[in-house]
N, C-alpha and C. Protein backbone atom coordinates (compact mmCIF):
# COMPACT_ATOMS: atom_id res chain seq x y z
N MET A 1 0.82 -1.19 0.00
CA MET A 1 0.00 0.00 0.00
C MET A 1 0.87 1.26 0.00
N ILE A 2 2.01 1.22 0.68
CA ILE A 2 2.91 2.36 0.68
C ILE A 2 3.46 2.59 -0.73
N THR A 3 3.81 1.52 -1.43
CA THR A 3 4.32 1.63 -2.79
C THR A 3 3.28 2.26 -3.70
N HIS A 4 2.04 1.85 -3.53
CA HIS A 4 0.94 2.41 -4.33
C HIS A 4 0.78 3.91 -4.06
N THR A 5 0.89 4.31 -2.82
CA THR A 5 0.78 5.72 -2.45
C THR A 5 1.94 6.53 -3.02
N LEU A 6 3.15 5.97 -2.95
CA LEU A 6 4.30 6.66 -3.52
C LEU A 6 4.18 6.79 -5.03
N THR A 7 3.67 5.75 -5.66
CA THR A 7 3.48 5.80 -7.11
C THR A 7 2.45 6.86 -7.48
N ASP A 8 1.35 6.89 -6.72
CA ASP A 8 0.33 7.92 -6.96
C ASP A 8 0.91 9.32 -6.75
N LEU A 9 1.71 9.47 -5.71
CA LEU A 9 2.32 10.75 -5.42
C LEU A 9 3.27 11.16 -6.55
N ARG A 10 4.07 10.21 -7.03
CA ARG A 10 4.98 10.51 -8.15
C ARG A 10 4.21 10.91 -9.40
N CYS A 11 3.15 10.17 -9.69
CA CYS A 11 2.34 10.48 -10.87
C CYS A 11 1.71 11.85 -10.74
N SER A 12 1.21 12.16 -9.56
CA SER A 12 0.60 13.45 -9.32
C SER A 12 1.62 14.57 -9.46
N MET A 13 2.79 14.37 -8.89
CA MET A 13 3.85 15.38 -8.99
C MET A 13 4.29 15.55 -10.45
N TRP A 14 4.42 14.45 -11.17
CA TRP A 14 4.81 14.50 -12.58
C TRP A 14 3.77 15.26 -13.39
N HIS A 15 2.51 14.98 -13.11
CA HIS A 15 1.43 15.68 -13.83
C HIS A 15 1.49 17.18 -13.54
N GLU A 16 1.66 17.55 -12.28
CA GLU A 16 1.75 18.97 -11.92
C GLU A 16 2.94 19.63 -12.59
N LEU A 17 4.06 18.94 -12.61
CA LEU A 17 5.26 19.47 -13.25
C LEU A 17 5.02 19.67 -14.75
N ARG A 18 4.37 18.71 -15.38
CA ARG A 18 4.07 18.83 -16.81
C ARG A 18 3.16 20.02 -17.08
N VAL A 19 2.17 20.24 -16.21
CA VAL A 19 1.27 21.38 -16.38
C VAL A 19 2.04 22.69 -16.25
N VAL A 20 2.88 22.78 -15.22
CA VAL A 20 3.66 24.01 -15.00
C VAL A 20 4.61 24.24 -16.18
N LEU A 21 5.32 23.22 -16.61
CA LEU A 21 6.25 23.39 -17.73
C LEU A 21 5.52 23.71 -19.02
N HIS A 22 4.37 23.08 -19.23
CA HIS A 22 3.59 23.34 -20.43
C HIS A 22 3.15 24.81 -20.45
N ASN A 23 2.66 25.31 -19.32
CA ASN A 23 2.25 26.71 -19.24
C ASN A 23 3.44 27.64 -19.45
N ARG A 24 4.59 27.27 -18.90
CA ARG A 24 5.79 28.09 -19.07
C ARG A 24 6.23 28.11 -20.53
N GLU A 25 6.17 26.96 -21.20
CA GLU A 25 6.51 26.92 -22.63
C GLU A 25 5.61 27.85 -23.42
N HIS A 26 4.31 27.80 -23.15
CA HIS A 26 3.38 28.66 -23.87
C HIS A 26 3.63 30.13 -23.57
N THR A 27 3.95 30.42 -22.32
CA THR A 27 4.24 31.81 -21.95
C THR A 27 5.48 32.30 -22.68
N LEU A 28 6.53 31.49 -22.69
CA LEU A 28 7.77 31.90 -23.37
C LEU A 28 7.55 32.04 -24.87
N LEU A 29 6.77 31.13 -25.45
CA LEU A 29 6.47 31.22 -26.88
C LEU A 29 5.68 32.48 -27.18
N ALA A 30 4.68 32.77 -26.36
CA ALA A 30 3.88 33.98 -26.56
C ALA A 30 4.74 35.24 -26.45
N LEU A 31 5.63 35.27 -25.48
CA LEU A 31 6.53 36.43 -25.33
C LEU A 31 7.46 36.57 -26.52
N ALA A 32 7.95 35.45 -27.03
CA ALA A 32 8.83 35.49 -28.20
C ALA A 32 8.09 36.00 -29.43
N ILE A 33 6.85 35.56 -29.61
CA ILE A 33 6.06 36.01 -30.76
C ILE A 33 5.74 37.50 -30.63
N GLN A 34 5.43 37.95 -29.41
CA GLN A 34 5.16 39.37 -29.19
C GLN A 34 6.39 40.21 -29.53
N ALA A 35 7.55 39.77 -29.08
CA ALA A 35 8.79 40.51 -29.36
C ALA A 35 9.08 40.52 -30.86
N PHE A 36 8.88 39.38 -31.52
CA PHE A 36 9.11 39.30 -32.97
C PHE A 36 8.17 40.25 -33.71
N ALA A 37 6.89 40.24 -33.34
CA ALA A 37 5.92 41.11 -34.01
C ALA A 37 6.27 42.58 -33.79
N ARG A 38 6.67 42.92 -32.57
CA ARG A 38 7.06 44.31 -32.26
C ARG A 38 8.28 44.71 -33.09
N ASP A 39 9.29 43.84 -33.15
CA ASP A 39 10.50 44.15 -33.92
C ASP A 39 10.19 44.28 -35.41
N GLU A 40 9.33 43.42 -35.94
CA GLU A 40 8.96 43.50 -37.35
C GLU A 40 8.19 44.78 -37.65
N ARG A 41 7.31 45.19 -36.72
CA ARG A 41 6.56 46.44 -36.90
C ARG A 41 7.51 47.63 -36.92
N ILE A 42 8.46 47.65 -35.99
CA ILE A 42 9.44 48.75 -35.93
C ILE A 42 10.27 48.78 -37.20
N PHE A 43 10.70 47.60 -37.68
CA PHE A 43 11.48 47.53 -38.92
C PHE A 43 10.65 48.03 -40.10
N ALA A 44 9.39 47.58 -40.18
CA ALA A 44 8.53 47.99 -41.30
C ALA A 44 8.29 49.49 -41.27
N GLN A 45 8.14 50.07 -40.08
CA GLN A 45 7.97 51.52 -39.99
C GLN A 45 9.22 52.25 -40.46
N ALA A 46 10.38 51.70 -40.13
CA ALA A 46 11.64 52.32 -40.58
C ALA A 46 11.75 52.26 -42.10
N VAL A 47 11.36 51.13 -42.69
CA VAL A 47 11.39 51.00 -44.15
C VAL A 47 10.41 51.99 -44.78
N ALA A 48 9.21 52.09 -44.23
CA ALA A 48 8.22 53.03 -44.75
C ALA A 48 8.73 54.47 -44.64
N ASN A 49 9.38 54.78 -43.54
CA ASN A 49 9.95 56.13 -43.37
C ASN A 49 11.03 56.40 -44.41
N ASN A 50 11.83 55.39 -44.73
CA ASN A 50 12.86 55.56 -45.77
C ASN A 50 12.23 55.86 -47.12
N TRP A 51 11.18 55.12 -47.48
CA TRP A 51 10.50 55.37 -48.75
C TRP A 51 9.85 56.75 -48.77
N GLU A 52 9.29 57.16 -47.64
CA GLU A 52 8.67 58.47 -47.55
C GLU A 52 9.72 59.57 -47.73
N SER A 53 10.89 59.39 -47.13
CA SER A 53 11.98 60.36 -47.28
C SER A 53 12.45 60.42 -48.73
N LEU A 54 12.57 59.27 -49.36
CA LEU A 54 12.98 59.24 -50.76
C LEU A 54 11.95 59.94 -51.64
N GLU A 55 10.69 59.66 -51.37
CA GLU A 55 9.62 60.30 -52.15
C GLU A 55 9.70 61.82 -52.02
N ALA A 56 9.89 62.31 -50.82
CA ALA A 56 9.97 63.75 -50.60
C ALA A 56 11.23 64.33 -51.26
N ALA A 57 12.32 63.57 -51.24
CA ALA A 57 13.58 64.07 -51.80
C ALA A 57 13.52 64.18 -53.32
N VAL A 58 12.81 63.31 -53.98
CA VAL A 58 12.80 63.32 -55.45
C VAL A 58 11.59 64.04 -56.03
N GLU A 59 10.70 64.50 -55.18
CA GLU A 59 9.49 65.15 -55.67
C GLU A 59 9.78 66.41 -56.48
N ASP A 60 10.81 67.14 -56.12
CA ASP A 60 11.12 68.41 -56.81
C ASP A 60 12.16 68.25 -57.91
N LEU A 61 12.52 67.01 -58.22
CA LEU A 61 13.47 66.82 -59.33
C LEU A 61 12.81 67.21 -60.64
N PRO A 62 13.60 67.81 -61.54
CA PRO A 62 13.01 68.18 -62.84
C PRO A 62 12.68 66.92 -63.66
N VAL A 63 11.58 67.00 -64.35
CA VAL A 63 11.14 65.87 -65.18
C VAL A 63 11.00 66.40 -66.61
N ASP A 64 11.67 65.73 -67.54
CA ASP A 64 11.60 66.11 -68.96
C ASP A 64 10.58 65.22 -69.64
N LEU A 65 9.45 65.78 -69.97
CA LEU A 65 8.38 65.01 -70.61
C LEU A 65 8.37 65.17 -72.11
N SER A 66 9.39 65.81 -72.67
CA SER A 66 9.40 66.08 -74.12
C SER A 66 9.80 64.85 -74.92
N ARG A 67 10.28 63.84 -74.35
CA ARG A 67 10.76 62.68 -75.11
C ARG A 67 9.66 61.75 -75.49
């Protein structure tokens, strides 16, 4: 009966550990995805700003339409 109780206790502890680790994995994955999305948004904004600067810089260039 003691062996059965120890086995139940081990199984219960293992299950609890799996739940905690599973939740931690999901938390870490969610944080990684959030950081990736934030970094991609910042990068995309920088690219858009570069195109906007280029557009403003070339807007006043002379254009020869006679050809």
